[in-house]
PDB file of N, CA and C in Angstrom:
ATOM      1  N   MET A   1     -22.228 -18.213-150.004  1.00  0.00           N
ATOM      2  CA  MET A   1     -23.168 -18.759-149.060  1.00  0.00           C
ATOM      3  C   MET A   1     -23.952 -17.606-148.423  1.00  0.00           C
ATOM      4  N   LYS A   2     -25.268 -17.763-148.315  1.00  0.00           N
ATOM      5  CA  LYS A   2     -26.116 -16.733-147.731  1.00  0.00           C
ATOM      6  C   LYS A   2     -25.810 -16.570-146.246  1.00  0.00           C
ATOM      7  N   PRO A   3     -25.969 -15.356-145.731  1.00  0.00           N
ATOM      8  CA  PRO A   3     -25.660 -15.103-144.311  1.00  0.00           C
ATOM      9  C   PRO A   3     -26.469 -15.961-143.343  1.00  0.00           C
ATOM     10  N   GLU A   4     -27.752 -16.206-143.639  1.00  0.00           N
ATOM     11  CA  GLU A   4     -28.565 -17.031-142.746  1.00  0.00           C
ATOM     12  C   GLU A   4     -28.077 -18.486-142.738  1.00  0.00           C
ATOM     13  N   ARG A   5     -27.549 -18.951-143.850  1.00  0.00           N
ATOM     14  CA  ARG A   5     -27.010 -20.314-143.911  1.00  0.00           C
ATOM     15  C   ARG A   5     -25.768 -20.425-143.019  1.00  0.00           C
ATOM     16  N   LYS A   6     -24.946 -19.393-143.021  1.00  0.00           N
ATOM     17  CA  LYS A   6     -23.770 -19.376-142.147  1.00  0.00           C
ATOM     18  C   LYS A   6     -24.190 -19.352-140.681  1.00  0.00           C
ATOM     19  N   LEU A   7     -25.226 -18.581-140.373  1.00  0.00           N
ATOM     20  CA  LEU A   7     -25.733 -18.525-139.002  1.00  0.00           C
ATOM     21  C   LEU A   7     -26.278 -19.887-138.584  1.00  0.00           C
ATOM     22  N   TYR A   8     -26.951 -20.571-139.498  1.00  0.00           N
ATOM     23  CA  TYR A   8     -27.434 -21.922-139.216  1.00  0.00           C
ATOM     24  C   TYR A   8     -26.261 -22.852-138.882  1.00  0.00           C
ATOM     25  N   GLY A   9     -25.189 -22.761-139.637  1.00  0.00           N
ATOM     26  CA  GLY A   9     -24.009 -23.583-139.363  1.00  0.00           C
ATOM     27  C   GLY A   9     -23.436 -23.314-137.988  1.00  0.00           C
ATOM     28  N   LYS A  10     -23.409 -22.045-137.589  1.00  0.00           N
ATOM     29  CA  LYS A  10     -22.884 -21.687-136.269  1.00  0.00           C
ATOM     30  C   LYS A  10     -23.721 -22.297-135.153  1.00  0.00           C
ATOM     31  N   ILE A  11     -25.038 -22.143-135.263  1.00  0.00           N
ATOM     32  CA  ILE A  11     -25.892 -22.641-134.174  1.00  0.00           C
ATOM     33  C   ILE A  11     -25.931 -24.168-134.159  1.00  0.00           C
ATOM     34  N   LYS A  12     -25.890 -24.769-135.329  1.00  0.00           N
ATOM     35  CA  LYS A  12     -25.901 -26.232-135.390  1.00  0.00           C
ATOM     36  C   LYS A  12     -24.634 -26.815-134.760  1.00  0.00           C
ATOM     37  N   ASN A  13     -23.497 -26.189-134.977  1.00  0.00           N
ATOM     38  CA  ASN A  13     -22.231 -26.698-134.461  1.00  0.00           C
ATOM     39  C   ASN A  13     -22.122 -26.654-132.951  1.00  0.00           C
ATOM     40  N   ILE A  14     -22.799 -25.722-132.308  1.00  0.00           N
ATOM     41  CA  ILE A  14     -22.659 -25.629-130.843  1.00  0.00           C
ATOM     42  C   ILE A  14     -23.862 -26.166-130.076  1.00  0.00           C
ATOM     43  N   SER A  15     -24.864 -26.672-130.773  1.00  0.00           N
ATOM     44  CA  SER A  15     -26.073 -27.152-130.093  1.00  0.00           C
ATOM     45  C   SER A  15     -26.261 -28.657-130.333  1.00  0.00           C
ATOM     46  N   LYS A  16     -25.410 -29.443-129.725  1.00  0.00           N
ATOM     47  CA  LYS A  16     -25.426 -30.893-129.956  1.00  0.00           C
ATOM     48  C   LYS A  16     -26.648 -31.585-129.353  1.00  0.00           C
ATOM     49  N   LYS A  17     -27.310 -30.948-128.368  1.00  0.00           N
ATOM     50  CA  LYS A  17     -28.470 -31.572-127.723  1.00  0.00           C
ATOM     51  C   LYS A  17     -29.793 -31.140-128.350  1.00  0.00           C
ATOM     52  N   ILE A  18     -29.721 -30.373-129.431  1.00  0.00           N
ATOM     53  CA  ILE A  18     -30.923 -29.956-130.150  1.00  0.00           C
ATOM     54  C   ILE A  18     -30.873 -30.562-131.542  1.00  0.00           C
ATOM     55  N   THR A  19     -31.976 -31.170-131.940  1.00  0.00           N
ATOM     56  CA  THR A  19     -32.104 -31.694-133.298  1.00  0.00           C
ATOM     57  C   THR A  19     -32.756 -30.617-134.148  1.00  0.00           C
ATOM     58  N   TRP A  20     -32.085 -30.239-135.223  1.00  0.00           N
ATOM     59  CA  TRP A  20     -32.577 -29.176-136.103  1.00  0.00           C
ATOM     60  C   TRP A  20     -33.088 -29.754-137.415  1.00  0.00           C
ATOM     61  N   THR A  21     -34.191 -29.211-137.894  1.00  0.00           N
ATOM     62  CA  THR A  21     -34.723 -29.524-139.216  1.00  0.00           C
ATOM     63  C   THR A  21     -34.896 -28.204-139.955  1.00  0.00           C
ATOM     64  N   ARG A  22     -34.207 -28.075-141.083  1.00  0.00           N
ATOM     65  CA  ARG A  22     -34.362 -26.857-141.901  1.00  0.00           C
ATOM     66  C   ARG A  22     -35.674 -26.946-142.663  1.00  0.00           C
ATOM     67  N   LEU A  23     -36.445 -25.893-142.583  1.00  0.00           N
ATOM     68  CA  LEU A  23     -37.740 -25.844-143.255  1.00  0.00           C
ATOM     69  C   LEU A  23     -37.625 -24.959-144.492  1.00  0.00           C
ATOM     70  N   GLU A  24     -37.477 -25.573-145.621  1.00  0.00           N
ATOM     71  CA  GLU A  24     -37.403 -24.854-146.896  1.00  0.00           C
ATOM     72  C   GLU A  24     -38.802 -24.930-147.504  1.00  0.00           C
ATOM     73  N   ASN A  25     -39.602 -23.908-147.254  1.00  0.00           N
ATOM     74  CA  ASN A  25     -41.002 -23.986-147.622  1.00  0.00           C
ATOM     75  C   ASN A  25     -41.390 -22.797-148.494  1.00  0.00           C
ATOM     76  N   LEU A  26     -41.689 -23.067-149.740  1.00  0.00           N
ATOM     77  CA  LEU A  26     -42.101 -22.010-150.650  1.00  0.00           C
ATOM     78  C   LEU A  26     -43.615 -21.883-150.758  1.00  0.00           C
ATOM     79  N   SER A  27     -44.343 -22.856-150.210  1.00  0.00           N
ATOM     80  CA  SER A  27     -45.798 -22.804-150.344  1.00  0.00           C
ATOM     81  C   SER A  27     -46.475 -22.135-149.154  1.00  0.00           C
ATOM     82  N   LEU A  28     -45.859 -22.148-147.998  1.00  0.00           N
ATOM     83  CA  LEU A  28     -46.417 -21.486-146.817  1.00  0.00           C
ATOM     84  C   LEU A  28     -45.486 -20.347-146.418  1.00  0.00           C
ATOM     85  N   LEU A  29     -45.732 -19.183-146.977  1.00  0.00           N
ATOM     86  CA  LEU A  29     -44.879 -18.041-146.738  1.00  0.00           C
ATOM     87  C   LEU A  29     -44.858 -17.673-145.253  1.00  0.00           C
ATOM     88  N   GLY A  30     -43.692 -17.315-144.756  1.00  0.00           N
ATOM     89  CA  GLY A  30     -43.557 -16.913-143.369  1.00  0.00           C
ATOM     90  C   GLY A  30     -43.142 -18.020-142.428  1.00  0.00           C
ATOM     91  N   THR A  31     -43.103 -19.257-142.922  1.00  0.00           N
ATOM     92  CA  THR A  31     -42.680 -20.372-142.083  1.00  0.00           C
ATOM     93  C   THR A  31     -41.232 -20.152-141.653  1.00  0.00           C
ATOM     94  N   PRO A  32     -40.933 -20.309-140.342  1.00  0.00           N
ATOM     95  CA  PRO A  32     -39.555 -20.079-139.873  1.00  0.00           C
ATOM     96  C   PRO A  32     -38.540 -21.013-140.532  1.00  0.00           C
ATOM     97  N   ASP A  33     -37.270 -20.632-140.405  1.00  0.00           N
ATOM     98  CA  ASP A  33     -36.186 -21.372-141.047  1.00  0.00           C
ATOM     99  C   ASP A  33     -35.925 -22.737-140.423  1.00  0.00           C
ATOM    100  N   LEU A  34     -36.095 -22.834-139.111  1.00  0.00           N
ATOM    101  CA  LEU A  34     -35.717 -24.065-138.417  1.00  0.00           C
ATOM    102  C   LEU A  34     -36.807 -24.557-137.485  1.00  0.00           C
ATOM    103  N   LEU A  35     -36.902 -25.870-137.411  1.00  0.00           N
ATOM    104  CA  LEU A  35     -37.713 -26.541-136.401  1.00  0.00           C
ATOM    105  C   LEU A  35     -36.734 -27.231-135.473  1.00  0.00           C
ATOM    106  N   GLY A  36     -36.798 -26.906-134.198  1.00  0.00           N
ATOM    107  CA  GLY A  36     -35.886 -27.493-133.215  1.00  0.00           C
ATOM    108  C   GLY A  36     -36.622 -28.443-132.293  1.00  0.00           C
ATOM    109  N   TYR A  37     -35.898 -29.438-131.813  1.00  0.00           N
ATOM    110  CA  TYR A  37     -36.439 -30.424-130.868  1.00  0.00           C
ATOM    111  C   TYR A  37     -35.353 -30.649-129.828  1.00  0.00           C
ATOM    112  N   ASN A  38     -35.669 -30.361-128.549  1.00  0.00           N
ATOM    113  CA  ASN A  38     -34.632 -30.470-127.523  1.00  0.00           C
ATOM    114  C   ASN A  38     -34.768 -31.747-126.696  1.00  0.00           C
ATOM    115  N   HIS A  39     -33.834 -31.949-125.775  1.00  0.00           N
ATOM    116  CA  HIS A  39     -33.797 -33.176-124.977  1.00  0.00           C
ATOM    117  C   HIS A  39     -34.947 -33.257-123.971  1.00  0.00           C
ATOM    118  N   ASN A  40     -35.703 -32.170-123.790  1.00  0.00           N
ATOM    119  CA  ASN A  40     -36.898 -32.186-122.934  1.00  0.00           C
ATOM    120  C   ASN A  40     -38.142 -32.555-123.730  1.00  0.00           C
ATOM    121  N   CYS A  41     -37.945 -32.958-124.974  1.00  0.00           N
ATOM    122  CA  CYS A  41     -39.023 -33.374-125.884  1.00  0.00           C
ATOM    123  C   CYS A  41     -39.945 -32.213-126.255  1.00  0.00           C
ATOM    124  N   ASN A  42     -39.381 -31.033-126.429  1.00  0.00           N
ATOM    125  CA  ASN A  42     -40.154 -29.865-126.826  1.00  0.00           C
ATOM    126  C   ASN A  42     -39.729 -29.394-128.208  1.00  0.00           C
ATOM    127  N   PHE A  43     -40.736 -29.064-129.009  1.00  0.00           N
ATOM    128  CA  PHE A  43     -40.510 -28.481-130.319  1.00  0.00           C
ATOM    129  C   PHE A  43     -40.572 -26.965-130.221  1.00  0.00           C
ATOM    130  N   PHE A  44     -39.835 -26.288-131.088  1.00  0.00           N
ATOM    131  CA  PHE A  44     -39.886 -24.837-131.197  1.00  0.00           C
ATOM    132  C   PHE A  44     -39.416 -24.454-132.588  1.00  0.00           C
ATOM    133  N   THR A  45     -39.771 -23.233-133.008  1.00  0.00           N
ATOM    134  CA  THR A  45     -39.325 -22.744-134.309  1.00  0.00           C
ATOM    135  C   THR A  45     -38.356 -21.588-134.107  1.00  0.00           C
ATOM    136  N   LEU A  46     -37.473 -21.440-135.095  1.00  0.00           N
ATOM    137  CA  LEU A  46     -36.462 -20.389-135.024  1.00  0.00           C
ATOM    138  C   LEU A  46     -36.296 -19.746-136.397  1.00  0.00           C
ATOM    139  N   GLU A  47     -36.549 -18.459-136.453  1.00  0.00           N
ATOM    140  CA  GLU A  47     -36.297 -17.671-137.653  1.00  0.00           C
ATOM    141  C   GLU A  47     -34.899 -17.080-137.526  1.00  0.00           C
ATOM    142  N   LEU A  48     -34.094 -17.200-138.561  1.00  0.00           N
ATOM    143  CA  LEU A  48     -32.724 -16.685-138.553  1.00  0.00           C
ATOM    144  C   LEU A  48     -32.656 -15.393-139.362  1.00  0.00           C
ATOM    145  N   LYS A  49     -32.039 -14.371-138.772  1.00  0.00           N
ATOM    146  CA  LYS A  49     -31.869 -13.094-139.462  1.00  0.00           C
ATOM    147  C   LYS A  49     -30.459 -12.577-139.216  1.00  0.00           C
ATOM    148  N   VAL A  50     -29.862 -12.016-140.248  1.00  0.00           N
ATOM    149  CA  VAL A  50     -28.583 -11.330-140.123  1.00  0.00           C
ATOM    150  C   VAL A  50     -28.857  -9.875-140.467  1.00  0.00           C
ATOM    151  N   ALA A  51     -28.650  -9.001-139.482  1.00  0.00           N
ATOM    152  CA  ALA A  51     -28.953  -7.578-139.660  1.00  0.00           C
ATOM    153  C   ALA A  51     -27.704  -6.831-140.096  1.00  0.00           C
ATOM    154  N   ASN A  52     -27.815  -6.100-141.191  1.00  0.00           N
ATOM    155  CA  ASN A  52     -26.719  -5.261-141.653  1.00  0.00           C
ATOM    156  C   ASN A  52     -26.786  -3.877-141.018  1.00  0.00           C
ATOM    157  N   GLY A  53     -27.984  -3.389-140.818  1.00  0.00           N
ATOM    158  CA  GLY A  53     -28.180  -2.090-140.194  1.00  0.00           C
ATOM    159  C   GLY A  53     -28.603  -2.280-138.743  1.00  0.00           C
ATOM    160  N   ASN A  54     -29.449  -1.376-138.276  1.00  0.00           N
ATOM    161  CA  ASN A  54     -29.902  -1.408-136.890  1.00  0.00           C
ATOM    162  C   ASN A  54     -31.298  -2.012-136.753  1.00  0.00           C
ATOM    163  N   ARG A  55     -31.755  -2.716-137.798  1.00  0.00           N
ATOM    164  CA  ARG A  55     -33.083  -3.335-137.772  1.00  0.00           C
ATOM    165  C   ARG A  55     -33.020  -4.751-138.340  1.00  0.00           C
ATOM    166  N   ALA A  56     -33.907  -5.580-137.832  1.00  0.00           N
ATOM    167  CA  ALA A  56     -34.077  -6.916-138.396  1.00  0.00           C
ATOM    168  C   ALA A  56     -35.188  -6.827-139.434  1.00  0.00           C
ATOM    169  N   ARG A  57     -34.951  -7.389-140.574  1.00  0.00           N
ATOM    170  CA  ARG A  57     -35.949  -7.319-141.642  1.00  0.00           C
ATOM    171  C   ARG A  57     -36.765  -8.607-141.670  1.00  0.00           C
ATOM    172  N   LEU A  58     -38.011  -8.486-141.255  1.00  0.00           N
ATOM    173  CA  LEU A  58     -38.942  -9.604-141.315  1.00  0.00           C
ATOM    174  C   LEU A  58     -40.048  -9.246-142.299  1.00  0.00           C
ATOM    175  N   SER A  59     -40.462 -10.231-143.073  1.00  0.00           N
ATOM    176  CA  SER A  59     -41.555  -9.992-144.016  1.00  0.00           C
ATOM    177  C   SER A  59     -42.879  -9.951-143.236  1.00  0.00           C
ATOM    178  N   PRO A  60     -43.912  -9.375-143.828  1.00  0.00           N
ATOM    179  CA  PRO A  60     -45.223  -9.398-143.175  1.00  0.00           C
ATOM    180  C   PRO A  60     -45.698 -10.826-142.883  1.00  0.00           C
ATOM    181  N   HIS A  61     -45.352 -11.766-143.753  1.00  0.00           N
ATOM    182  CA  HIS A  61     -45.736 -13.167-143.525  1.00  0.00           C
ATOM    183  C   HIS A  61     -45.012 -13.740-142.308  1.00  0.00           C
ATOM    184  N   GLN A  62     -43.752 -13.396-142.143  1.00  0.00           N
ATOM    185  CA  GLN A  62     -42.989 -13.879-140.991  1.00  0.00           C
ATOM    186  C   GLN A  62     -43.532 -13.293-139.695  1.00  0.00           C
ATOM    187  N   VAL A  63     -43.849 -12.006-139.703  1.00  0.00           N
ATOM    188  CA  VAL A  63     -44.444 -11.379-138.520  1.00  0.00           C
ATOM    189  C   VAL A  63     -45.767 -12.048-138.197  1.00  0.00           C
ATOM    190  N   SER A  64     -46.583 -12.266-139.210  1.00  0.00           N
ATOM    191  CA  SER A  64     -47.886 -12.907-139.017  1.00  0.00           C
ATOM    192  C   SER A  64     -47.741 -14.296-138.403  1.00  0.00           C
ATOM    193  N   PHE A  65     -46.777 -15.074-138.888  1.00  0.00           N
ATOM    194  CA  PHE A  65     -46.569 -16.414-138.325  1.00  0.00           C
ATOM    195  C   PHE A  65     -46.282 -16.317-136.829  1.00  0.00           C
ATOM    196  N   HIS A  66     -45.374 -15.425-136.457  1.00  0.00           N
ATOM    197  CA  HIS A  66     -44.970 -15.332-135.055  1.00  0.00           C
ATOM    198  C   HIS A  66     -46.075 -14.765-134.170  1.00  0.00           C
ATOM    199  N   VAL A  67     -46.880 -13.866-134.702  1.00  0.00           N
ATOM    200  CA  VAL A  67     -48.008 -13.338-133.934  1.00  0.00           C
ATOM    201  C   VAL A  67     -49.052 -14.435-133.725  1.00  0.00           C
ATOM    202  N   MET A  68     -49.284 -15.250-134.742  1.00  0.00           N
ATOM    203  CA  MET A  68     -50.269 -16.329-134.640  1.00  0.00           C
ATOM    204  C   MET A  68     -49.764 -17.520-133.829  1.00  0.00           C
ATOM    205  N   HIS A  69     -48.440 -17.657-133.692  1.00  0.00           N
ATOM    206  CA  HIS A  69     -47.833 -18.765-132.955  1.00  0.00           C
ATOM    207  C   HIS A  69     -46.855 -18.201-131.914  1.00  0.00           C
ATOM    208  N   PRO A  70     -47.373 -17.555-130.869  1.00  0.00           N
ATOM    209  CA  PRO A  70     -46.483 -16.850-129.936  1.00  0.00           C
ATOM    210  C   PRO A  70     -45.706 -17.765-128.989  1.00  0.00           C
ATOM    211  N   LYS A  71     -46.154 -18.980-128.787  1.00  0.00           N
ATOM    212  CA  LYS A  71     -45.475 -19.877-127.853  1.00  0.00           C
ATOM    213  C   LYS A  71     -44.438 -20.716-128.583  1.00  0.00           C
ATOM    214  N   ASN A  72     -43.217 -20.729-128.056  1.00  0.00           N
ATOM    215  CA  ASN A  72     -42.120 -21.527-128.610  1.00  0.00           C
ATOM    216  C   ASN A  72     -41.768 -21.158-130.047  1.00  0.00           C
ATOM    217  N   SER A  73     -41.930 -19.888-130.381  1.00  0.00           N
ATOM    218  CA  SER A  73     -41.415 -19.386-131.668  1.00  0.00           C
ATOM    219  C   SER A  73     -40.448 -18.254-131.344  1.00  0.00           C
ATOM    220  N   PHE A  74     -39.317 -18.257-132.060  1.00  0.00           N
ATOM    221  CA  PHE A  74     -38.234 -17.335-131.733  1.00  0.00           C
ATOM    222  C   PHE A  74     -37.600 -16.778-133.002  1.00  0.00           C
ATOM    223  N   VAL A  75     -36.938 -15.630-132.824  1.00  0.00           N
ATOM    224  CA  VAL A  75     -36.174 -15.007-133.901  1.00  0.00           C
ATOM    225  C   VAL A  75     -34.763 -14.795-133.366  1.00  0.00           C
ATOM    226  N   LEU A  76     -33.781 -15.339-134.070  1.00  0.00           N
ATOM    227  CA  LEU A  76     -32.378 -15.150-133.714  1.00  0.00           C
ATOM    228  C   LEU A  76     -31.774 -14.170-134.707  1.00  0.00           C
ATOM    229  N   VAL A  77     -31.282 -13.052-134.192  1.00  0.00           N
ATOM    230  CA  VAL A  77     -30.713 -12.004-135.035  1.00  0.00           C
ATOM    231  C   VAL A  77     -29.214 -11.903-134.761  1.00  0.00           C
ATOM    232  N   GLU A  78     -28.439 -12.077-135.822  1.00  0.00           N
ATOM    233  CA  GLU A  78     -27.003 -11.830-135.724  1.00  0.00           C
ATOM    234  C   GLU A  78     -26.792 -10.359-136.087  1.00  0.00           C
ATOM    235  N   TRP A  79     -26.250  -9.598-135.135  1.00  0.00           N
ATOM    236  CA  TRP A  79     -26.088  -8.156-135.321  1.00  0.00           C
ATOM    237  C   TRP A  79     -24.777  -7.727-134.698  1.00  0.00           C
ATOM    238  N   LYS A  80     -23.923  -7.166-135.508  1.00  0.00           N
ATOM    239  CA  LYS A  80     -22.581  -6.780-135.087  1.00  0.00           C
ATOM    240  C   LYS A  80     -21.876  -8.018-134.540  1.00  0.00           C
ATOM    241  N   ASP A  81     -21.454  -7.993-133.296  1.00  0.00           N
ATOM    242  CA  ASP A  81     -20.783  -9.160-132.711  1.00  0.00           C
ATOM    243  C   ASP A  81     -21.694  -9.909-131.741  1.00  0.00           C
ATOM    244  N   LYS A  82     -23.005  -9.687-131.858  1.00  0.00           N
ATOM    245  CA  LYS A  82     -23.968 -10.291-130.930  1.00  0.00           C
ATOM    246  C   LYS A  82     -24.917 -11.233-131.659  1.00  0.00           C
ATOM    247  N   HIS A  83     -25.488 -12.121-130.878  1.00  0.00           N
ATOM    248  CA  HIS A  83     -26.557 -12.992-131.357  1.00  0.00           C
ATOM    249  C   HIS A  83     -27.726 -12.784-130.412  1.00  0.00           C
ATOM    250  N   LEU A  84     -28.740 -12.088-130.886  1.00  0.00           N
ATOM    251  CA  LEU A  84     -29.873 -11.684-130.062  1.00  0.00           C
ATOM    252  C   LEU A  84     -31.051 -12.607-130.291  1.00  0.00           C
ATOM    253  N   LEU A  85     -31.557 -13.196-129.210  1.00  0.00           N
ATOM    254  CA  LEU A  85     -32.714 -14.082-129.307  1.00  0.00           C
ATOM    255  C   LEU A  85     -33.946 -13.339-128.806  1.00  0.00           C
ATOM    256  N   PHE A  86     -34.986 -13.324-129.646  1.00  0.00           N
ATOM    257  CA  PHE A  86     -36.253 -12.680-129.303  1.00  0.00           C
ATOM    258  C   PHE A  86     -37.372 -13.705-129.377  1.00  0.00           C
ATOM    259  N   GLU A  87     -38.387 -13.499-128.558  1.00  0.00           N
ATOM    260  CA  GLU A  87     -39.585 -14.328-128.658  1.00  0.00           C
ATOM    261  C   GLU A  87     -40.353 -13.911-129.905  1.00  0.00           C
ATOM    262  N   GLY A  88     -41.085 -14.855-130.471  1.00  0.00           N
ATOM    263  CA  GLY A  88     -41.858 -14.558-131.668  1.00  0.00           C
ATOM    264  C   GLY A  88     -42.835 -13.419-131.468  1.00  0.00           C
ATOM    265  N   LYS A  89     -43.380 -13.308-130.262  1.00  0.00           N
ATOM    266  CA  LYS A  89     -44.352 -12.242-130.011  1.00  0.00           C
ATOM    267  C   LYS A  89     -43.710 -10.849-130.067  1.00  0.00           C
ATOM    268  N   GLN A  90     -42.379 -10.778-130.119  1.00  0.00           N
ATOM    269  CA  GLN A  90     -41.668  -9.507-130.258  1.00  0.00           C
ATOM    270  C   GLN A  90     -41.433  -9.133-131.720  1.00  0.00           C
ATOM    271  N   SER A  91     -41.983  -9.913-132.648  1.00  0.00           N
ATOM    272  CA  SER A  91     -41.675  -9.699-134.064  1.00  0.00           C
ATOM    273  C   SER A  91     -42.142  -8.332-134.569  1.00  0.00           C
ATOM    274  N   LEU A  92     -43.276  -7.848-134.104  1.00  0.00           N
ATOM    275  CA  LEU A  92     -43.719  -6.511-134.518  1.00  0.00           C
ATOM    276  C   LEU A  92     -42.738  -5.445-134.039  1.00  0.00           C
ATOM    277  N   ALA A  93     -42.263  -5.582-132.819  1.00  0.00           N
ATOM    278  CA  ALA A  93     -41.287  -4.634-132.290  1.00  0.00           C
ATOM    279  C   ALA A  93     -39.980  -4.711-133.076  1.00  0.00           C
ATOM    280  N   LEU A  94     -39.605  -5.897-133.522  1.00  0.00           N
ATOM    281  CA  LEU A  94     -38.387  -6.049-134.324  1.00  0.00           C
ATOM    282  C   LEU A  94     -38.481  -5.260-135.632  1.00  0.00           C
ATOM    283  N   VAL A  95     -39.659  -5.224-136.203  1.00  0.00           N
ATOM    284  CA  VAL A  95     -39.858  -4.498-137.455  1.00  0.00           C
ATOM    285  C   VAL A  95     -39.910  -2.995-137.208  1.00  0.00           C
ATOM    286  N   ASP A  96     -40.547  -2.588-136.111  1.00  0.00           N
ATOM    287  CA  ASP A  96     -40.806  -1.169-135.857  1.00  0.00           C
ATOM    288  C   ASP A  96     -39.685  -0.438-135.117  1.00  0.00           C
ATOM    289  N   SER A  97     -38.806  -1.171-134.440  1.00  0.00           N
ATOM    290  CA  SER A  97     -37.829  -0.530-133.568  1.00  0.00           C
ATOM    291  C   SER A  97     -36.401  -0.895-133.963  1.00  0.00           C
ATOM    292  N   SER A  98     -35.468  -0.093-133.472  1.00  0.00           N
ATOM    293  CA  SER A  98     -34.061  -0.413-133.704  1.00  0.00           C
ATOM    294  C   SER A  98     -33.634  -1.528-132.749  1.00  0.00           C
ATOM    295  N   LEU A  99     -32.686  -2.319-133.177  1.00  0.00           N
ATOM    296  CA  LEU A  99     -32.213  -3.434-132.355  1.00  0.00           C
ATOM    297  C   LEU A  99     -31.613  -2.952-131.039  1.00  0.00           C
ATOM    298  N   SER A 100     -31.012  -1.789-131.054  1.00  0.00           N
ATOM    299  CA  SER A 100     -30.385  -1.270-129.836  1.00  0.00           C
ATOM    300  C   SER A 100     -31.409  -0.858-128.783  1.00  0.00           C
ATOM    301  N   SER A 101     -32.671  -0.685-129.176  1.00  0.00           N
ATOM    302  CA  SER A 101     -33.697  -0.267-128.219  1.00  0.00           C
ATOM    303  C   SER A 101     -34.515  -1.435-127.666  1.00  0.00           C
ATOM    304  N   LEU A 102     -34.274  -2.644-128.147  1.00  0.00           N
ATOM    305  CA  LEU A 102     -35.062  -3.812-127.726  1.00  0.00           C
ATOM    306  C   LEU A 102     -34.310  -4.646-126.695  1.00  0.00           C
ATOM    307  N   ASP A 103     -35.075  -5.360-125.882  1.00  0.00           N
ATOM    308  CA  ASP A 103     -34.496  -6.251-124.882  1.00  0.00           C
ATOM    309  C   ASP A 103     -34.633  -7.698-125.346  1.00  0.00           C
ATOM    310  N   PRO A 104     -33.537  -8.306-125.785  1.00  0.00           N
ATOM    311  CA  PRO A 104     -33.599  -9.719-126.187  1.00  0.00           C
ATOM    312  C   PRO A 104     -33.652 -10.621-124.959  1.00  0.00           C
ATOM    313  N   ILE A 105     -34.010 -11.867-125.172  1.00  0.00           N
ATOM    314  CA  ILE A 105     -33.976 -12.854-124.095  1.00  0.00           C
ATOM    315  C   ILE A 105     -32.533 -13.071-123.676  1.00  0.00           C
ATOM    316  N   VAL A 106     -31.661 -13.269-124.660  1.00  0.00           N
ATOM    317  CA  VAL A 106     -30.217 -13.433-124.439  1.00  0.00           C
ATOM    318  C   VAL A 106     -29.474 -12.718-125.559  1.00  0.00           C
ATOM    319  N   ASP A 107     -28.157 -12.496-125.362  1.00  0.00           N
ATOM    320  CA  ASP A 107     -27.406 -11.773-126.388  1.00  0.00           C
ATOM    321  C   ASP A 107     -26.107 -12.455-126.800  1.00  0.00           C
ATOM    322  N   SER A 108     -26.069 -13.781-126.637  1.00  0.00           N
ATOM    323  CA  SER A 108     -24.925 -14.537-127.154  1.00  0.00           C
ATOM    324  C   SER A 108     -25.435 -15.857-127.721  1.00  0.00           C
ATOM    325  N   LEU A 109     -24.687 -16.425-128.639  1.00  0.00           N
ATOM    326  CA  LEU A 109     -25.101 -17.681-129.256  1.00  0.00           C
ATOM    327  C   LEU A 109     -25.119 -18.817-128.238  1.00  0.00           C
ATOM    328  N   GLU A 110     -24.141 -18.829-127.343  1.00  0.00           N
ATOM    329  CA  GLU A 110     -24.080 -19.872-126.314  1.00  0.00           C
ATOM    330  C   GLU A 110     -25.293 -19.794-125.387  1.00  0.00           C
ATOM    331  N   ASP A 111     -25.659 -18.576-124.975  1.00  0.00           N
ATOM    332  CA  ASP A 111     -26.826 -18.417-124.106  1.00  0.00           C
ATOM    333  C   ASP A 111     -28.117 -18.738-124.848  1.00  0.00           C
ATOM    334  N   CYS A 112     -28.147 -18.482-126.143  1.00  0.00           N
ATOM    335  CA  CYS A 112     -29.308 -18.850-126.960  1.00  0.00           C
ATOM    336  C   CYS A 112     -29.510 -20.352-126.935  1.00  0.00           C
ATOM    337  N   VAL A 113     -28.440 -21.085-127.133  1.00  0.00           N
ATOM    338  CA  VAL A 113     -28.525 -22.561-127.121  1.00  0.00           C
ATOM    339  C   VAL A 113     -28.953 -23.054-125.749  1.00  0.00           C
ATOM    340  N   LYS A 114     -28.409 -22.476-124.690  1.00  0.00           N
ATOM    341  CA  LYS A 114     -28.804 -22.886-123.328  1.00  0.00           C
ATOM    342  C   LYS A 114     -30.287 -22.631-123.116  1.00  0.00           C
ATOM    343  N   TYR A 115     -30.767 -21.481-123.548  1.00  0.00           N
ATOM    344  CA  TYR A 115     -32.171 -21.129-123.372  1.00  0.00           C
ATOM    345  C   TYR A 115     -33.074 -22.098-124.137  1.00  0.00           C
ATOM    346  N   LEU A 116     -32.781 -22.308-125.408  1.00  0.00           N
ATOM    347  CA  LEU A 116     -33.617 -23.199-126.232  1.00  0.00           C
ATOM    348  C   LEU A 116     -33.534 -24.637-125.740  1.00  0.00           C
ATOM    349  N   SER A 117     -32.410 -25.035-125.192  1.00  0.00           N
ATOM    350  CA  SER A 117     -32.277 -26.389-124.640  1.00  0.00           C
ATOM    351  C   SER A 117     -33.107 -26.571-123.388  1.00  0.00           C
ATOM    352  N   SER A 118     -33.377 -25.475-122.677  1.00  0.00           N
ATOM    353  CA  SER A 118     -34.080 -25.569-121.403  1.00  0.00           C
ATOM    354  C   SER A 118     -35.607 -25.508-121.543  1.00  0.00           C
ATOM    355  N   LEU A 119     -36.113 -25.272-122.737  1.00  0.00           N
ATOM    356  CA  LEU A 119     -37.567 -25.178-122.919  1.00  0.00           C
ATOM    357  C   LEU A 119     -38.262 -26.454-122.502  1.00  0.00           C
TER     358      LEU A 119
END
């Protein structure tokens, strides 16, 4: 099983108040992995990344999507024992900088779910 699929399982299991739709899209490159809908009737997108080193690897298409859609787009990075949530507008910094030098919105999976639920 791919690492991002495992991360999807983790977030899906603890976020009962968010409806998730997996976006498997080969025709529109850069489209995030998940479309979320919370109990406040808000949609948002979530790109899932599992970092092996000290950087999150986003394709140029993924960065472009997040730059063009800065509101309610997010990147969740599983790194070491942390789950770091970044706003989509931070995608360029994710590519250019080490994860240890960036300030995520939250740094745990539980806090990520609370944050996305509160949008």
